[in-house]
Protein backbone atom coordinates (compact mmCIF):
# COMPACT_ATOMS: atom_id res chain seq x y z
CA UNK A 1 0.00 0.00 0.00
CA UNK A 2 2.85 2.35 0.84
CA UNK A 3 4.50 1.75 -2.56
CA UNK A 4 1.25 2.52 -4.34
CA UNK A 5 0.81 5.75 -2.38
CA UNK A 6 4.39 6.85 -3.07
CA UNK A 7 4.00 6.00 -6.76
CA UNK A 8 0.81 8.08 -6.90
CA UNK A 9 2.49 11.06 -5.23
CA UNK A 10 5.50 10.79 -7.55
CA UNK A 11 3.16 10.58 -10.56
CA UNK A 12 1.29 13.70 -9.46
CA UNK A 13 4.54 15.58 -8.99
CA UNK A 14 5.71 14.67 -12.50
CA UNK A 15 2.30 15.58 -13.94
CA UNK A 16 2.36 19.00 -12.30
CA UNK A 17 5.89 19.70 -13.58
CA UNK A 18 4.97 18.88 -17.17
CA UNK A 19 1.96 21.19 -17.21
CA UNK A 20 -0.73 18.51 -17.36
CA UNK A 21 -2.76 19.68 -14.36
CA UNK A 22 -1.95 23.38 -14.63
CA UNK A 23 -1.70 24.35 -18.31
CA UNK A 24 0.86 27.00 -19.17
CA UNK A 25 -1.30 28.60 -21.89
CA UNK A 26 -4.96 29.56 -22.00
CA UNK A 27 -7.61 27.36 -23.60
CA UNK A 28 -9.01 30.27 -25.65
CA UNK A 29 -7.49 30.34 -29.13
CA UNK A 30 -7.01 34.10 -29.44
CA UNK A 31 -5.61 34.47 -25.95
CA UNK A 32 -3.31 31.46 -26.44
CA UNK A 33 -1.98 32.95 -29.70
CA UNK A 34 -1.26 36.22 -27.89
CA UNK A 35 0.54 34.37 -25.08
CA UNK A 36 2.63 32.41 -27.61
CA UNK A 37 3.60 35.63 -29.39
CA UNK A 38 4.65 37.21 -26.09
CA UNK A 39 6.71 34.12 -25.22
CA UNK A 40 8.44 34.03 -28.60
CA UNK A 41 9.19 37.77 -28.38
CA UNK A 42 10.83 37.21 -25.00
CA UNK A 43 13.03 34.47 -26.44
CA UNK A 44 13.80 36.55 -29.51
CA UNK A 45 14.98 39.51 -27.44
CA UNK A 46 17.34 37.27 -25.45
CA UNK A 47 20.10 37.67 -28.06
CA UNK A 48 19.87 41.47 -27.86
CA UNK A 49 20.04 41.29 -24.07
CA UNK A 50 23.08 38.98 -24.23
CA UNK A 51 24.90 41.38 -26.59
CA UNK A 52 24.08 44.30 -24.30
CA UNK A 53 25.47 42.49 -21.25
CA UNK A 54 28.76 41.61 -22.98
CA UNK A 55 29.02 45.07 -24.63
CA UNK A 56 28.81 43.57 -28.12
CA UNK A 57 26.21 46.13 -29.21
CA UNK A 58 28.70 49.02 -29.15
CA UNK A 59 29.44 50.80 -32.43
CA UNK A 60 32.34 49.42 -34.41
CA UNK A 61 35.36 51.68 -34.77
CA UNK A 62 36.73 49.75 -37.70
CA UNK A 63 36.82 51.59 -41.01
CA UNK A 64 34.79 50.18 -43.91
CA UNK A 65 37.94 50.54 -46.05
CA UNK A 66 41.64 49.86 -45.51
CA UNK A 67 43.93 52.75 -44.71
CA UNK A 68 47.70 52.82 -45.13
CA UNK A 69 48.47 54.34 -41.75
CA UNK A 70 51.67 56.01 -42.92
CA UNK A 71 52.48 59.23 -44.71
CA UNK A 72 51.68 58.97 -48.37
PDB file of N, CA and C in Angstrom:
ATOM      1  N   UNK A   1       0.828  -1.185   0.000  1.00  0.00           N
ATOM      2  CA  UNK A   1       0.000   0.000   0.000  1.00  0.00           C
ATOM      3  C   UNK A   1       0.878   1.256   0.000  1.00  0.00           C
ATOM      4  N   UNK A   2       1.971   1.186   0.750  1.00  0.00           N
ATOM      5  CA  UNK A   2       2.851   2.349   0.840  1.00  0.00           C
ATOM      6  C   UNK A   2       3.496   2.638  -0.521  1.00  0.00           C
ATOM      7  N   UNK A   3       3.882   1.574  -1.251  1.00  0.00           N
ATOM      8  CA  UNK A   3       4.495   1.753  -2.564  1.00  0.00           C
ATOM      9  C   UNK A   3       3.510   2.385  -3.549  1.00  0.00           C
ATOM     10  N   UNK A   4       2.269   1.959  -3.471  1.00  0.00           N
ATOM     11  CA  UNK A   4       1.245   2.516  -4.345  1.00  0.00           C
ATOM     12  C   UNK A   4       1.024   3.995  -4.046  1.00  0.00           C
ATOM     13  N   UNK A   5       0.991   4.346  -2.775  1.00  0.00           N
ATOM     14  CA  UNK A   5       0.810   5.751  -2.379  1.00  0.00           C
ATOM     15  C   UNK A   5       1.995   6.597  -2.832  1.00  0.00           C
ATOM     16  N   UNK A   6       3.214   6.102  -2.633  1.00  0.00           N
ATOM     17  CA  UNK A   6       4.394   6.846  -3.072  1.00  0.00           C
ATOM     18  C   UNK A   6       4.443   6.978  -4.593  1.00  0.00           C
ATOM     19  N   UNK A   7       4.039   5.936  -5.296  1.00  0.00           N
ATOM     20  CA  UNK A   7       3.998   5.996  -6.756  1.00  0.00           C
ATOM     21  C   UNK A   7       2.969   7.020  -7.226  1.00  0.00           C
ATOM     22  N   UNK A   8       1.834   7.091  -6.551  1.00  0.00           N
ATOM     23  CA  UNK A   8       0.812   8.078  -6.899  1.00  0.00           C
ATOM     24  C   UNK A   8       1.285   9.499  -6.653  1.00  0.00           C
ATOM     25  N   UNK A   9       1.962   9.722  -5.528  1.00  0.00           N
ATOM     26  CA  UNK A   9       2.486  11.060  -5.226  1.00  0.00           C
ATOM     27  C   UNK A   9       3.562  11.448  -6.241  1.00  0.00           C
ATOM     28  N   UNK A  10       4.459  10.518  -6.566  1.00  0.00           N
ATOM     29  CA  UNK A  10       5.496  10.791  -7.554  1.00  0.00           C
ATOM     30  C   UNK A  10       4.879  11.085  -8.920  1.00  0.00           C
ATOM     31  N   UNK A  11       3.845  10.337  -9.289  1.00  0.00           N
ATOM     32  CA  UNK A  11       3.164  10.580 -10.562  1.00  0.00           C
ATOM     33  C   UNK A  11       2.513  11.943 -10.616  1.00  0.00           C
ATOM     34  N   UNK A  12       1.913  12.361  -9.504  1.00  0.00           N
ATOM     35  CA  UNK A  12       1.290  13.698  -9.464  1.00  0.00           C
ATOM     36  C   UNK A  12       2.347  14.794  -9.562  1.00  0.00           C
ATOM     37  N   UNK A  13       3.486  14.571  -8.920  1.00  0.00           N
ATOM     38  CA  UNK A  13       4.544  15.580  -8.987  1.00  0.00           C
ATOM     39  C   UNK A  13       5.073  15.719 -10.411  1.00  0.00           C
ATOM     40  N   UNK A  14       5.248  14.605 -11.115  1.00  0.00           N
ATOM     41  CA  UNK A  14       5.706  14.668 -12.498  1.00  0.00           C
ATOM     42  C   UNK A  14       4.636  15.288 -13.393  1.00  0.00           C
ATOM     43  N   UNK A  15       3.377  15.011 -13.137  1.00  0.00           N
ATOM     44  CA  UNK A  15       2.301  15.576 -13.942  1.00  0.00           C
ATOM     45  C   UNK A  15       2.208  17.086 -13.754  1.00  0.00           C
ATOM     46  N   UNK A  16       2.416  17.559 -12.553  1.00  0.00           N
ATOM     47  CA  UNK A  16       2.365  19.000 -12.302  1.00  0.00           C
ATOM     48  C   UNK A  16       3.538  19.691 -12.986  1.00  0.00           C
ATOM     49  N   UNK A  17       4.710  19.083 -12.972  1.00  0.00           N
ATOM     50  CA  UNK A  17       5.887  19.696 -13.580  1.00  0.00           C
ATOM     51  C   UNK A  17       5.799  19.762 -15.095  1.00  0.00           C
ATOM     52  N   UNK A  18       5.065  18.869 -15.720  1.00  0.00           N
ATOM     53  CA  UNK A  18       4.965  18.877 -17.171  1.00  0.00           C
ATOM     54  C   UNK A  18       3.835  19.755 -17.669  1.00  0.00           C
ATOM     55  N   UNK A  19       3.031  20.301 -16.801  1.00  0.00           N
ATOM     56  CA  UNK A  19       1.961  21.191 -17.211  1.00  0.00           C
ATOM     57  C   UNK A  19       0.660  20.477 -17.513  1.00  0.00           C
ATOM     58  N   UNK A  20       0.492  19.244 -17.078  1.00  0.00           N
ATOM     59  CA  UNK A  20      -0.734  18.508 -17.357  1.00  0.00           C
ATOM     60  C   UNK A  20      -1.901  19.030 -16.510  1.00  0.00           C
ATOM     61  N   UNK A  21      -1.679  19.235 -15.226  1.00  0.00           N
ATOM     62  CA  UNK A  21      -2.761  19.676 -14.356  1.00  0.00           C
ATOM     63  C   UNK A  21      -2.957  21.192 -14.401  1.00  0.00           C
ATOM     64  N   UNK A  22      -1.869  21.922 -14.550  1.00  0.00           N
ATOM     65  CA  UNK A  22      -1.945  23.383 -14.628  1.00  0.00           C
ATOM     66  C   UNK A  22      -1.364  23.786 -15.977  1.00  0.00           C
ATOM     67  N   UNK A  23      -2.228  24.035 -16.973  1.00  0.00           N
ATOM     68  CA  UNK A  23      -1.704  24.352 -18.307  1.00  0.00           C
ATOM     69  C   UNK A  23      -0.975  25.689 -18.315  1.00  0.00           C
ATOM     70  N   UNK A  24       0.066  25.782 -19.124  1.00  0.00           N
ATOM     71  CA  UNK A  24       0.862  26.999 -19.171  1.00  0.00           C
ATOM     72  C   UNK A  24       0.188  28.066 -20.038  1.00  0.00           C
ATOM     73  N   UNK A  25      -0.614  27.657 -21.012  1.00  0.00           N
ATOM     74  CA  UNK A  25      -1.301  28.601 -21.893  1.00  0.00           C
ATOM     75  C   UNK A  25      -2.807  28.476 -21.731  1.00  0.00           C
ATOM     76  N   UNK A  26      -3.512  29.505 -22.116  1.00  0.00           N
ATOM     77  CA  UNK A  26      -4.964  29.564 -21.999  1.00  0.00           C
ATOM     78  C   UNK A  26      -5.627  28.598 -22.982  1.00  0.00           C
ATOM     79  N   UNK A  27      -6.858  28.228 -22.710  1.00  0.00           N
ATOM     80  CA  UNK A  27      -7.614  27.364 -23.601  1.00  0.00           C
ATOM     81  C   UNK A  27      -8.255  28.125 -24.746  1.00  0.00           C
ATOM     82  N   UNK A  28      -8.431  29.435 -24.596  1.00  0.00           N
ATOM     83  CA  UNK A  28      -9.012  30.272 -25.647  1.00  0.00           C
ATOM     84  C   UNK A  28      -7.992  30.470 -26.765  1.00  0.00           C
ATOM     85  N   UNK A  29      -8.423  30.284 -28.006  1.00  0.00           N
ATOM     86  CA  UNK A  29      -7.492  30.337 -29.135  1.00  0.00           C
ATOM     87  C   UNK A  29      -6.828  31.694 -29.289  1.00  0.00           C
ATOM     88  N   UNK A  30      -7.595  32.766 -29.224  1.00  0.00           N
ATOM     89  CA  UNK A  30      -7.011  34.096 -29.437  1.00  0.00           C
ATOM     90  C   UNK A  30      -6.069  34.470 -28.300  1.00  0.00           C
ATOM     91  N   UNK A  31      -6.478  34.161 -27.094  1.00  0.00           N
ATOM     92  CA  UNK A  31      -5.610  34.468 -25.948  1.00  0.00           C
ATOM     93  C   UNK A  31      -4.344  33.612 -25.964  1.00  0.00           C
ATOM     94  N   UNK A  32      -4.461  32.346 -26.354  1.00  0.00           N
ATOM     95  CA  UNK A  32      -3.307  31.460 -26.435  1.00  0.00           C
ATOM     96  C   UNK A  32      -2.331  31.953 -27.502  1.00  0.00           C
ATOM     97  N   UNK A  33      -2.850  32.416 -28.644  1.00  0.00           N
ATOM     98  CA  UNK A  33      -1.976  32.946 -29.697  1.00  0.00           C
ATOM     99  C   UNK A  33      -1.223  34.171 -29.193  1.00  0.00           C
ATOM    100  N   UNK A  34      -1.914  35.030 -28.446  1.00  0.00           N
ATOM    101  CA  UNK A  34      -1.261  36.216 -27.894  1.00  0.00           C
ATOM    102  C   UNK A  34      -0.178  35.821 -26.885  1.00  0.00           C
ATOM    103  N   UNK A  35      -0.451  34.834 -26.046  1.00  0.00           N
ATOM    104  CA  UNK A  35       0.543  34.371 -25.076  1.00  0.00           C
ATOM    105  C   UNK A  35       1.750  33.755 -25.776  1.00  0.00           C
ATOM    106  N   UNK A  36       1.524  33.002 -26.860  1.00  0.00           N
ATOM    107  CA  UNK A  36       2.629  32.411 -27.609  1.00  0.00           C
ATOM    108  C   UNK A  36       3.486  33.475 -28.283  1.00  0.00           C
ATOM    109  N   UNK A  37       2.847  34.526 -28.786  1.00  0.00           N
ATOM    110  CA  UNK A  37       3.602  35.633 -29.386  1.00  0.00           C
ATOM    111  C   UNK A  37       4.451  36.306 -28.337  1.00  0.00           C
ATOM    112  N   UNK A  38       3.884  36.565 -27.170  1.00  0.00           N
ATOM    113  CA  UNK A  38       4.655  37.206 -26.095  1.00  0.00           C
ATOM    114  C   UNK A  38       5.842  36.342 -25.686  1.00  0.00           C
ATOM    115  N   UNK A  39       5.632  35.023 -25.600  1.00  0.00           N
ATOM    116  CA  UNK A  39       6.708  34.118 -25.218  1.00  0.00           C
ATOM    117  C   UNK A  39       7.810  34.115 -26.267  1.00  0.00           C
ATOM    118  N   UNK A  40       7.429  34.064 -27.544  1.00  0.00           N
ATOM    119  CA  UNK A  40       8.444  34.035 -28.597  1.00  0.00           C
ATOM    120  C   UNK A  40       9.191  35.360 -28.668  1.00  0.00           C
ATOM    121  N   UNK A  41       8.512  36.480 -28.389  1.00  0.00           N
ATOM    122  CA  UNK A  41       9.193  37.770 -28.384  1.00  0.00           C
ATOM    123  C   UNK A  41      10.208  37.824 -27.257  1.00  0.00           C
ATOM    124  N   UNK A  42       9.885  37.233 -26.113  1.00  0.00           N
ATOM    125  CA  UNK A  42      10.830  37.214 -25.002  1.00  0.00           C
ATOM    126  C   UNK A  42      12.073  36.418 -25.371  1.00  0.00           C
ATOM    127  N   UNK A  43      11.885  35.285 -26.048  1.00  0.00           N
ATOM    128  CA  UNK A  43      13.028  34.471 -26.436  1.00  0.00           C
ATOM    129  C   UNK A  43      13.817  35.130 -27.557  1.00  0.00           C
ATOM    130  N   UNK A  44      13.124  35.882 -28.409  1.00  0.00           N
ATOM    131  CA  UNK A  44      13.797  36.547 -29.507  1.00  0.00           C
ATOM    132  C   UNK A  44      14.668  37.696 -29.001  1.00  0.00           C
ATOM    133  N   UNK A  45      14.222  38.377 -27.959  1.00  0.00           N
ATOM    134  CA  UNK A  45      14.985  39.506 -27.435  1.00  0.00           C
ATOM    135  C   UNK A  45      16.139  39.058 -26.549  1.00  0.00           C
ATOM    136  N   UNK A  46      16.266  37.768 -26.294  1.00  0.00           N
ATOM    137  CA  UNK A  46      17.344  37.270 -25.450  1.00  0.00           C
ATOM    138  C   UNK A  46      18.708  37.558 -26.066  1.00  0.00           C
ATOM    139  N   UNK A  47      18.838  37.414 -27.392  1.00  0.00           N
ATOM    140  CA  UNK A  47      20.105  37.673 -28.060  1.00  0.00           C
ATOM    141  C   UNK A  47      20.508  39.134 -27.910  1.00  0.00           C
ATOM    142  N   UNK A  48      19.559  40.054 -28.050  1.00  0.00           N
ATOM    143  CA  UNK A  48      19.868  41.469 -27.857  1.00  0.00           C
ATOM    144  C   UNK A  48      20.315  41.744 -26.430  1.00  0.00           C
ATOM    145  N   UNK A  49      19.664  41.108 -25.475  1.00  0.00           N
ATOM    146  CA  UNK A  49      20.042  41.288 -24.073  1.00  0.00           C
ATOM    147  C   UNK A  49      21.439  40.726 -23.814  1.00  0.00           C
ATOM    148  N   UNK A  50      21.764  39.586 -24.403  1.00  0.00           N
ATOM    149  CA  UNK A  50      23.077  38.977 -24.232  1.00  0.00           C
ATOM    150  C   UNK A  50      24.169  39.893 -24.805  1.00  0.00           C
ATOM    151  N   UNK A  51      23.917  40.468 -25.987  1.00  0.00           N
ATOM    152  CA  UNK A  51      24.896  41.378 -26.587  1.00  0.00           C
ATOM    153  C   UNK A  51      25.064  42.634 -25.739  1.00  0.00           C
ATOM    154  N   UNK A  52      23.992  43.111 -25.136  1.00  0.00           N
ATOM    155  CA  UNK A  52      24.083  44.300 -24.302  1.00  0.00           C
ATOM    156  C   UNK A  52      24.895  44.012 -23.046  1.00  0.00           C
ATOM    157  N   UNK A  53      24.735  42.838 -22.461  1.00  0.00           N
ATOM    158  CA  UNK A  53      25.469  42.488 -21.246  1.00  0.00           C
ATOM    159  C   UNK A  53      26.965  42.403 -21.529  1.00  0.00           C
ATOM    160  N   UNK A  54      27.338  41.798 -22.660  1.00  0.00           N
ATOM    161  CA  UNK A  54      28.759  41.613 -22.981  1.00  0.00           C
ATOM    162  C   UNK A  54      29.329  42.764 -23.804  1.00  0.00           C
ATOM    163  N   UNK A  55      28.591  43.862 -23.908  1.00  0.00           N
ATOM    164  CA  UNK A  55      29.018  45.068 -24.629  1.00  0.00           C
ATOM    165  C   UNK A  55      29.348  44.768 -26.091  1.00  0.00           C
ATOM    166  N   UNK A  56      28.614  43.878 -26.711  1.00  0.00           N
ATOM    167  CA  UNK A  56      28.812  43.574 -28.121  1.00  0.00           C
ATOM    168  C   UNK A  56      27.970  44.466 -29.019  1.00  0.00           C
ATOM    169  N   UNK A  57      27.086  45.276 -28.426  1.00  0.00           N
ATOM    170  CA  UNK A  57      26.213  46.130 -29.213  1.00  0.00           C
ATOM    171  C   UNK A  57      26.798  47.527 -29.402  1.00  0.00           C
ATOM    172  N   UNK A  58      28.059  47.724 -29.008  1.00  0.00           N
ATOM    173  CA  UNK A  58      28.698  49.021 -29.146  1.00  0.00           C
ATOM    174  C   UNK A  58      29.018  49.268 -30.619  1.00  0.00           C
ATOM    175  N   UNK A  59      29.113  50.534 -31.013  1.00  0.00           N
ATOM    176  CA  UNK A  59      29.439  50.799 -32.427  1.00  0.00           C
ATOM    177  C   UNK A  59      30.856  50.341 -32.757  1.00  0.00           C
ATOM    178  N   UNK A  60      31.035  49.894 -33.966  1.00  0.00           N
ATOM    179  CA  UNK A  60      32.340  49.421 -34.412  1.00  0.00           C
ATOM    180  C   UNK A  60      33.194  50.614 -34.817  1.00  0.00           C
ATOM    181  N   UNK A  61      34.451  50.604 -34.410  1.00  0.00           N
ATOM    182  CA  UNK A  61      35.363  51.681 -34.769  1.00  0.00           C
ATOM    183  C   UNK A  61      36.242  51.297 -35.952  1.00  0.00           C
ATOM    184  N   UNK A  62      35.963  50.165 -36.535  1.00  0.00           N
ATOM    185  CA  UNK A  62      36.725  49.748 -37.704  1.00  0.00           C
ATOM    186  C   UNK A  62      36.240  50.500 -38.929  1.00  0.00           C
ATOM    187  N   UNK A  63      37.170  50.857 -39.783  1.00  0.00           N
ATOM    188  CA  UNK A  63      36.819  51.586 -41.006  1.00  0.00           C
ATOM    189  C   UNK A  63      36.238  50.611 -42.026  1.00  0.00           C
ATOM    190  N   UNK A  64      35.327  51.069 -42.871  1.00  0.00           N
ATOM    191  CA  UNK A  64      34.787  50.185 -43.906  1.00  0.00           C
ATOM    192  C   UNK A  64      35.795  49.968 -45.036  1.00  0.00           C
ATOM    193  N   UNK A  65      36.921  50.695 -45.022  1.00  0.00           N
ATOM    194  CA  UNK A  65      37.943  50.538 -46.052  1.00  0.00           C
ATOM    195  C   UNK A  65      39.313  50.531 -45.368  1.00  0.00           C
ATOM    196  N   UNK A  66      40.287  49.942 -46.047  1.00  0.00           N
ATOM    197  CA  UNK A  66      41.635  49.859 -45.509  1.00  0.00           C
ATOM    198  C   UNK A  66      42.358  51.182 -45.651  1.00  0.00           C
ATOM    199  N   UNK A  67      43.098  51.557 -44.619  1.00  0.00           N
ATOM    200  CA  UNK A  67      43.929  52.753 -44.707  1.00  0.00           C
ATOM    201  C   UNK A  67      45.387  52.345 -44.574  1.00  0.00           C
ATOM    202  N   UNK A  68      46.260  53.152 -45.136  1.00  0.00           N
ATOM    203  CA  UNK A  68      47.698  52.815 -45.130  1.00  0.00           C
ATOM    204  C   UNK A  68      48.277  53.015 -43.754  1.00  0.00           C
ATOM    205  N   UNK A  69      47.976  54.098 -43.080  1.00  0.00           N
ATOM    206  CA  UNK A  69      48.469  54.343 -41.746  1.00  0.00           C
ATOM    207  C   UNK A  69      49.769  55.149 -41.741  1.00  0.00           C
ATOM    208  N   UNK A  70      50.442  55.240 -42.839  1.00  0.00           N
ATOM    209  CA  UNK A  70      51.673  56.009 -42.919  1.00  0.00           C
ATOM    210  C   UNK A  70      51.470  57.285 -43.727  1.00  0.00           C
ATOM    211  N   UNK A  71      52.550  58.008 -43.906  1.00  0.00           N
ATOM    212  CA  UNK A  71      52.482  59.233 -44.708  1.00  0.00           C
ATOM    213  C   UNK A  71      52.614  58.851 -46.165  1.00  0.00           C
ATOM    214  N   UNK A  72      51.680  59.296 -46.947  1.00  0.00           N
ATOM    215  CA  UNK A  72      51.682  58.967 -48.368  1.00  0.00           C
ATOM    216  C   UNK A  72      52.422  60.018 -49.158  1.00  0.00           C
TER     217      UNK A  72
END
